[in-house]
Amino acid sequence: MSLPLEANPSEVKSRIDAGDAVVLIDVREPEEFAISKIAESELIPMRTIPQQLQHLEALADSTTLIVFCHHGMRSMQVTQWLRQQGVENCQSMAGGIDYWSTSVDPGVPRY
């Protein structure tokens, strides 16, 4: 059974709190990451995803990749592309870091 394409931020936070194996992959640009970030996320800008495919495949062998961006558009594109490459263990975080900030952690700055 495959994972749904999207997960909402509250669900992601619950999985992290429960100790589930998830890795947060931030596909925004470094300038955006400098403004606002989720602790423990790994920055891999969208344009560099193809070069990072082997790294992401290796991570997805043992954990679920939660891909996010600012509002969820880029992360959805990346998640769909990863699945086309055979990386099934990934999900896009609905609403991106902006929705995370409003629904999970208001300490994460919005921009």
N, C-alpha and C. Protein backbone atom coordinates (compact mmCIF):
# COMPACT_ATOMS: atom_id res chain seq x y z
N MET A 1 0.84 -1.19 0.00
CA MET A 1 0.00 0.00 0.00
C MET A 1 0.88 1.24 0.00
N SER A 2 0.61 2.16 -0.91
CA SER A 2 1.46 3.34 -0.99
C SER A 2 0.92 4.46 -0.10
N LEU A 3 1.82 5.34 0.26
CA LEU A 3 1.47 6.49 1.09
C LEU A 3 0.64 7.48 0.27
N PRO A 4 -0.25 8.22 0.93
CA PRO A 4 -0.92 9.31 0.23
C PRO A 4 0.13 10.30 -0.28
N LEU A 5 -0.17 11.00 -1.34
CA LEU A 5 0.78 11.95 -1.92
C LEU A 5 1.09 13.11 -0.98
N GLU A 6 0.10 13.50 -0.17
CA GLU A 6 0.27 14.63 0.75
C GLU A 6 -0.01 14.23 2.19
N ALA A 7 0.67 14.94 3.09
CA ALA A 7 0.41 14.81 4.53
C ALA A 7 0.25 16.23 5.07
N ASN A 8 -0.69 16.41 5.99
CA ASN A 8 -0.83 17.76 6.54
C ASN A 8 0.18 17.96 7.67
N PRO A 9 0.53 19.21 7.94
CA PRO A 9 1.57 19.49 8.93
C PRO A 9 1.29 18.90 10.32
N SER A 10 0.05 18.91 10.76
CA SER A 10 -0.27 18.34 12.07
C SER A 10 0.03 16.85 12.12
N GLU A 11 -0.28 16.15 11.03
CA GLU A 11 0.03 14.72 10.93
C GLU A 11 1.54 14.50 10.96
N VAL A 12 2.28 15.34 10.23
CA VAL A 12 3.74 15.22 10.20
C VAL A 12 4.30 15.43 11.60
N LYS A 13 3.83 16.45 12.30
CA LYS A 13 4.30 16.74 13.66
C LYS A 13 3.99 15.57 14.59
N SER A 14 2.81 14.99 14.47
CA SER A 14 2.44 13.83 15.30
C SER A 14 3.38 12.65 15.04
N ARG A 15 3.72 12.44 13.78
CA ARG A 15 4.63 11.34 13.43
C ARG A 15 6.01 11.58 14.00
N ILE A 16 6.49 12.83 13.93
CA ILE A 16 7.80 13.17 14.51
C ILE A 16 7.77 12.94 16.01
N ASP A 17 6.73 13.45 16.67
CA ASP A 17 6.60 13.31 18.13
C ASP A 17 6.51 11.86 18.56
N ALA A 18 5.91 11.02 17.71
CA ALA A 18 5.77 9.59 18.02
C ALA A 18 7.06 8.81 17.75
N GLY A 19 8.06 9.48 17.19
CA GLY A 19 9.33 8.82 16.92
C GLY A 19 9.36 8.06 15.60
N ASP A 20 8.36 8.31 14.74
CA ASP A 20 8.37 7.67 13.42
C ASP A 20 9.60 8.13 12.63
N ALA A 21 10.07 7.27 11.77
CA ALA A 21 11.23 7.60 10.95
C ALA A 21 10.78 8.49 9.79
N VAL A 22 10.98 9.80 9.95
CA VAL A 22 10.70 10.75 8.89
C VAL A 22 11.88 11.71 8.77
N VAL A 23 12.15 12.13 7.55
CA VAL A 23 13.17 13.15 7.29
C VAL A 23 12.49 14.28 6.55
N LEU A 24 12.66 15.50 7.07
CA LEU A 24 12.08 16.67 6.43
C LEU A 24 13.04 17.20 5.38
N ILE A 25 12.58 17.28 4.14
CA ILE A 25 13.39 17.77 3.03
C ILE A 25 12.79 19.10 2.57
N ASP A 26 13.55 20.16 2.75
CA ASP A 26 13.14 21.52 2.39
C ASP A 26 13.65 21.81 0.99
N VAL A 27 12.74 22.01 0.03
CA VAL A 27 13.16 22.23 -1.36
C VAL A 27 13.12 23.72 -1.76
N ARG A 28 13.05 24.59 -0.76
CA ARG A 28 13.08 26.03 -1.05
C ARG A 28 14.52 26.46 -1.37
N GLU A 29 14.68 27.72 -1.69
CA GLU A 29 15.99 28.28 -1.99
C GLU A 29 16.71 28.68 -0.70
N PRO A 30 18.04 28.75 -0.73
CA PRO A 30 18.80 29.12 0.47
C PRO A 30 18.35 30.45 1.10
N GLU A 31 17.96 31.42 0.27
CA GLU A 31 17.49 32.71 0.82
C GLU A 31 16.22 32.52 1.65
N GLU A 32 15.33 31.64 1.21
CA GLU A 32 14.11 31.37 1.95
C GLU A 32 14.42 30.63 3.24
N PHE A 33 15.34 29.67 3.16
CA PHE A 33 15.76 28.88 4.31
C PHE A 33 16.36 29.79 5.39
N ALA A 34 17.07 30.85 4.96
CA ALA A 34 17.69 31.79 5.90
C ALA A 34 16.64 32.58 6.67
N ILE A 35 15.48 32.80 6.06
CA ILE A 35 14.39 33.56 6.68
C ILE A 35 13.63 32.70 7.69
N SER A 36 13.38 31.46 7.32
CA SER A 36 12.48 30.61 8.09
C SER A 36 12.81 29.15 7.82
N LYS A 37 12.92 28.36 8.89
CA LYS A 37 13.18 26.93 8.70
C LYS A 37 12.57 26.12 9.81
N ILE A 38 12.37 24.85 9.51
CA ILE A 38 11.89 23.89 10.50
C ILE A 38 13.12 23.16 11.02
N ALA A 39 13.27 23.11 12.34
CA ALA A 39 14.43 22.45 12.93
C ALA A 39 14.56 21.03 12.38
N GLU A 40 15.79 20.62 12.18
CA GLU A 40 16.12 19.27 11.72
C GLU A 40 15.78 19.01 10.25
N SER A 41 15.36 20.04 9.51
CA SER A 41 15.08 19.81 8.09
C SER A 41 16.39 19.91 7.30
N GLU A 42 16.42 19.21 6.19
CA GLU A 42 17.59 19.23 5.31
C GLU A 42 17.25 20.04 4.07
N LEU A 43 18.05 21.07 3.80
CA LEU A 43 17.82 21.92 2.63
C LEU A 43 18.40 21.25 1.39
N ILE A 44 17.52 20.97 0.42
CA ILE A 44 17.93 20.48 -0.90
C ILE A 44 17.06 21.26 -1.90
N PRO A 45 17.56 22.41 -2.38
CA PRO A 45 16.76 23.22 -3.30
C PRO A 45 16.22 22.40 -4.47
N MET A 46 15.01 22.73 -4.89
CA MET A 46 14.32 21.99 -5.93
C MET A 46 15.20 21.75 -7.16
N ARG A 47 15.93 22.76 -7.59
CA ARG A 47 16.76 22.65 -8.80
C ARG A 47 17.88 21.62 -8.65
N THR A 48 18.22 21.25 -7.41
CA THR A 48 19.31 20.29 -7.19
C THR A 48 18.81 18.87 -6.91
N ILE A 49 17.50 18.69 -6.88
CA ILE A 49 16.92 17.37 -6.57
C ILE A 49 17.46 16.27 -7.49
N PRO A 50 17.51 16.48 -8.81
CA PRO A 50 18.02 15.39 -9.67
C PRO A 50 19.44 14.93 -9.29
N GLN A 51 20.29 15.88 -8.92
CA GLN A 51 21.66 15.52 -8.53
C GLN A 51 21.69 14.80 -7.18
N GLN A 52 20.65 14.98 -6.39
CA GLN A 52 20.58 14.38 -5.05
C GLN A 52 19.77 13.09 -5.03
N LEU A 53 19.39 12.59 -6.20
CA LEU A 53 18.50 11.43 -6.27
C LEU A 53 19.04 10.23 -5.50
N GLN A 54 20.31 9.89 -5.67
CA GLN A 54 20.86 8.72 -4.97
C GLN A 54 20.79 8.91 -3.45
N HIS A 55 21.11 10.11 -2.98
CA HIS A 55 21.03 10.42 -1.55
C HIS A 55 19.59 10.25 -1.05
N LEU A 56 18.64 10.77 -1.81
CA LEU A 56 17.23 10.68 -1.42
C LEU A 56 16.73 9.24 -1.47
N GLU A 57 17.16 8.48 -2.47
CA GLU A 57 16.79 7.06 -2.55
C GLU A 57 17.30 6.32 -1.32
N ALA A 58 18.53 6.60 -0.93
CA ALA A 58 19.12 5.93 0.24
C ALA A 58 18.35 6.29 1.51
N LEU A 59 18.00 7.56 1.67
CA LEU A 59 17.21 7.97 2.84
C LEU A 59 15.86 7.27 2.85
N ALA A 60 15.22 7.21 1.69
CA ALA A 60 13.87 6.64 1.60
C ALA A 60 13.85 5.14 1.82
N ASP A 61 15.01 4.50 1.77
CA ASP A 61 15.07 3.06 2.07
C ASP A 61 14.74 2.78 3.53
N SER A 62 15.00 3.77 4.41
CA SER A 62 14.81 3.50 5.84
C SER A 62 13.89 4.51 6.54
N THR A 63 13.39 5.48 5.80
CA THR A 63 12.57 6.51 6.42
C THR A 63 11.62 7.10 5.38
N THR A 64 10.61 7.81 5.84
CA THR A 64 9.71 8.52 4.93
C THR A 64 10.24 9.92 4.73
N LEU A 65 10.32 10.34 3.48
CA LEU A 65 10.72 11.70 3.16
C LEU A 65 9.49 12.59 3.17
N ILE A 66 9.54 13.65 3.95
CA ILE A 66 8.48 14.65 3.96
C ILE A 66 9.06 15.88 3.27
N VAL A 67 8.58 16.12 2.06
CA VAL A 67 9.11 17.20 1.23
C VAL A 67 8.23 18.44 1.44
N PHE A 68 8.88 19.59 1.66
CA PHE A 68 8.09 20.81 1.82
C PHE A 68 8.78 22.01 1.19
N CYS A 69 7.96 23.04 0.95
CA CYS A 69 8.46 24.29 0.39
C CYS A 69 7.73 25.42 1.10
N HIS A 70 7.46 26.52 0.41
CA HIS A 70 6.77 27.65 1.04
C HIS A 70 5.28 27.38 1.20
N HIS A 71 4.60 27.04 0.10
CA HIS A 71 3.15 26.82 0.16
C HIS A 71 2.70 25.44 -0.31
N GLY A 72 3.62 24.60 -0.77
CA GLY A 72 3.25 23.23 -1.14
C GLY A 72 3.25 22.92 -2.62
N MET A 73 3.50 23.91 -3.47
CA MET A 73 3.49 23.67 -4.92
C MET A 73 4.78 22.96 -5.37
N ARG A 74 5.92 23.53 -5.02
CA ARG A 74 7.20 22.92 -5.42
C ARG A 74 7.37 21.54 -4.81
N SER A 75 6.98 21.42 -3.55
CA SER A 75 7.14 20.12 -2.89
C SER A 75 6.27 19.04 -3.54
N MET A 76 5.10 19.43 -4.02
CA MET A 76 4.24 18.46 -4.72
C MET A 76 4.90 18.03 -6.03
N GLN A 77 5.48 18.98 -6.76
CA GLN A 77 6.18 18.64 -8.01
C GLN A 77 7.36 17.71 -7.73
N VAL A 78 8.13 18.01 -6.68
CA VAL A 78 9.28 17.17 -6.33
C VAL A 78 8.82 15.78 -5.92
N THR A 79 7.78 15.70 -5.11
CA THR A 79 7.27 14.40 -4.65
C THR A 79 6.79 13.57 -5.83
N GLN A 80 6.07 14.19 -6.76
CA GLN A 80 5.60 13.46 -7.94
C GLN A 80 6.80 12.99 -8.78
N TRP A 81 7.80 13.84 -8.93
CA TRP A 81 8.99 13.46 -9.70
C TRP A 81 9.73 12.31 -9.02
N LEU A 82 9.90 12.40 -7.70
CA LEU A 82 10.58 11.31 -6.97
C LEU A 82 9.84 9.99 -7.15
N ARG A 83 8.53 10.03 -7.07
CA ARG A 83 7.75 8.80 -7.25
C ARG A 83 7.92 8.24 -8.66
N GLN A 84 8.01 9.13 -9.65
CA GLN A 84 8.25 8.67 -11.02
C GLN A 84 9.63 8.01 -11.16
N GLN A 85 10.55 8.39 -10.29
CA GLN A 85 11.90 7.81 -10.30
C GLN A 85 11.95 6.53 -9.45
N GLY A 86 10.82 6.15 -8.85
CA GLY A 86 10.77 4.93 -8.06
C GLY A 86 10.93 5.13 -6.57
N VAL A 87 11.00 6.39 -6.12
CA VAL A 87 11.11 6.69 -4.69
C VAL A 87 9.68 6.85 -4.16
N GLU A 88 9.11 5.75 -3.68
CA GLU A 88 7.71 5.75 -3.25
C GLU A 88 7.52 6.28 -1.83
N ASN A 89 8.55 6.17 -1.01
CA ASN A 89 8.44 6.50 0.41
C ASN A 89 8.64 7.99 0.65
N CYS A 90 7.78 8.80 -0.01
CA CYS A 90 7.87 10.25 0.14
C CYS A 90 6.47 10.86 0.06
N GLN A 91 6.34 12.01 0.73
CA GLN A 91 5.08 12.75 0.73
C GLN A 91 5.38 14.23 0.70
N SER A 92 4.48 14.99 0.10
CA SER A 92 4.55 16.44 0.13
C SER A 92 3.78 16.93 1.35
N MET A 93 4.33 17.93 2.04
CA MET A 93 3.61 18.49 3.18
C MET A 93 2.68 19.59 2.68
N ALA A 94 1.39 19.35 2.82
CA ALA A 94 0.37 20.28 2.34
C ALA A 94 0.54 21.66 2.97
N GLY A 95 0.50 22.69 2.13
CA GLY A 95 0.57 24.06 2.63
C GLY A 95 1.96 24.55 2.97
N GLY A 96 2.94 23.67 2.90
CA GLY A 96 4.33 24.04 3.13
C GLY A 96 4.63 24.61 4.50
N ILE A 97 5.76 25.31 4.56
CA ILE A 97 6.21 25.87 5.84
C ILE A 97 5.26 26.95 6.34
N ASP A 98 4.54 27.59 5.42
CA ASP A 98 3.58 28.62 5.83
C ASP A 98 2.47 27.99 6.66
N TYR A 99 1.93 26.86 6.20
CA TYR A 99 0.87 26.17 6.94
C TYR A 99 1.42 25.57 8.23
N TRP A 100 2.67 25.09 8.20
CA TRP A 100 3.32 24.58 9.41
C TRP A 100 3.34 25.69 10.47
N SER A 101 3.71 26.90 10.05
CA SER A 101 3.80 28.02 10.97
C SER A 101 2.45 28.38 11.58
N THR A 102 1.38 28.31 10.80
CA THR A 102 0.06 28.68 11.32
C THR A 102 -0.63 27.55 12.07
N SER A 103 -0.27 26.29 11.78
CA SER A 103 -1.01 25.18 12.39
C SER A 103 -0.21 24.38 13.42
N VAL A 104 1.13 24.44 13.35
CA VAL A 104 1.94 23.61 14.24
C VAL A 104 2.87 24.43 15.13
N ASP A 105 3.64 25.32 14.54
CA ASP A 105 4.65 26.06 15.30
C ASP A 105 4.68 27.54 14.91
N PRO A 106 3.94 28.37 15.65
CA PRO A 106 3.91 29.79 15.33
C PRO A 106 5.26 30.50 15.53
N GLY A 107 6.22 29.79 16.13
CA GLY A 107 7.56 30.34 16.28
C GLY A 107 8.35 30.34 14.99
N VAL A 108 7.85 29.62 13.98
CA VAL A 108 8.50 29.61 12.67
C VAL A 108 8.02 30.84 11.91
N PRO A 109 8.93 31.76 11.57
CA PRO A 109 8.51 33.01 10.92
C PRO A 109 7.82 32.76 9.57
N ARG A 110 6.83 33.60 9.30
CA ARG A 110 6.13 33.56 8.01
C ARG A 110 6.69 34.67 7.14
N TYR A 111 6.64 34.47 5.86
CA TYR A 111 7.11 35.49 4.92
C TYR A 111 6.26 35.48 3.67
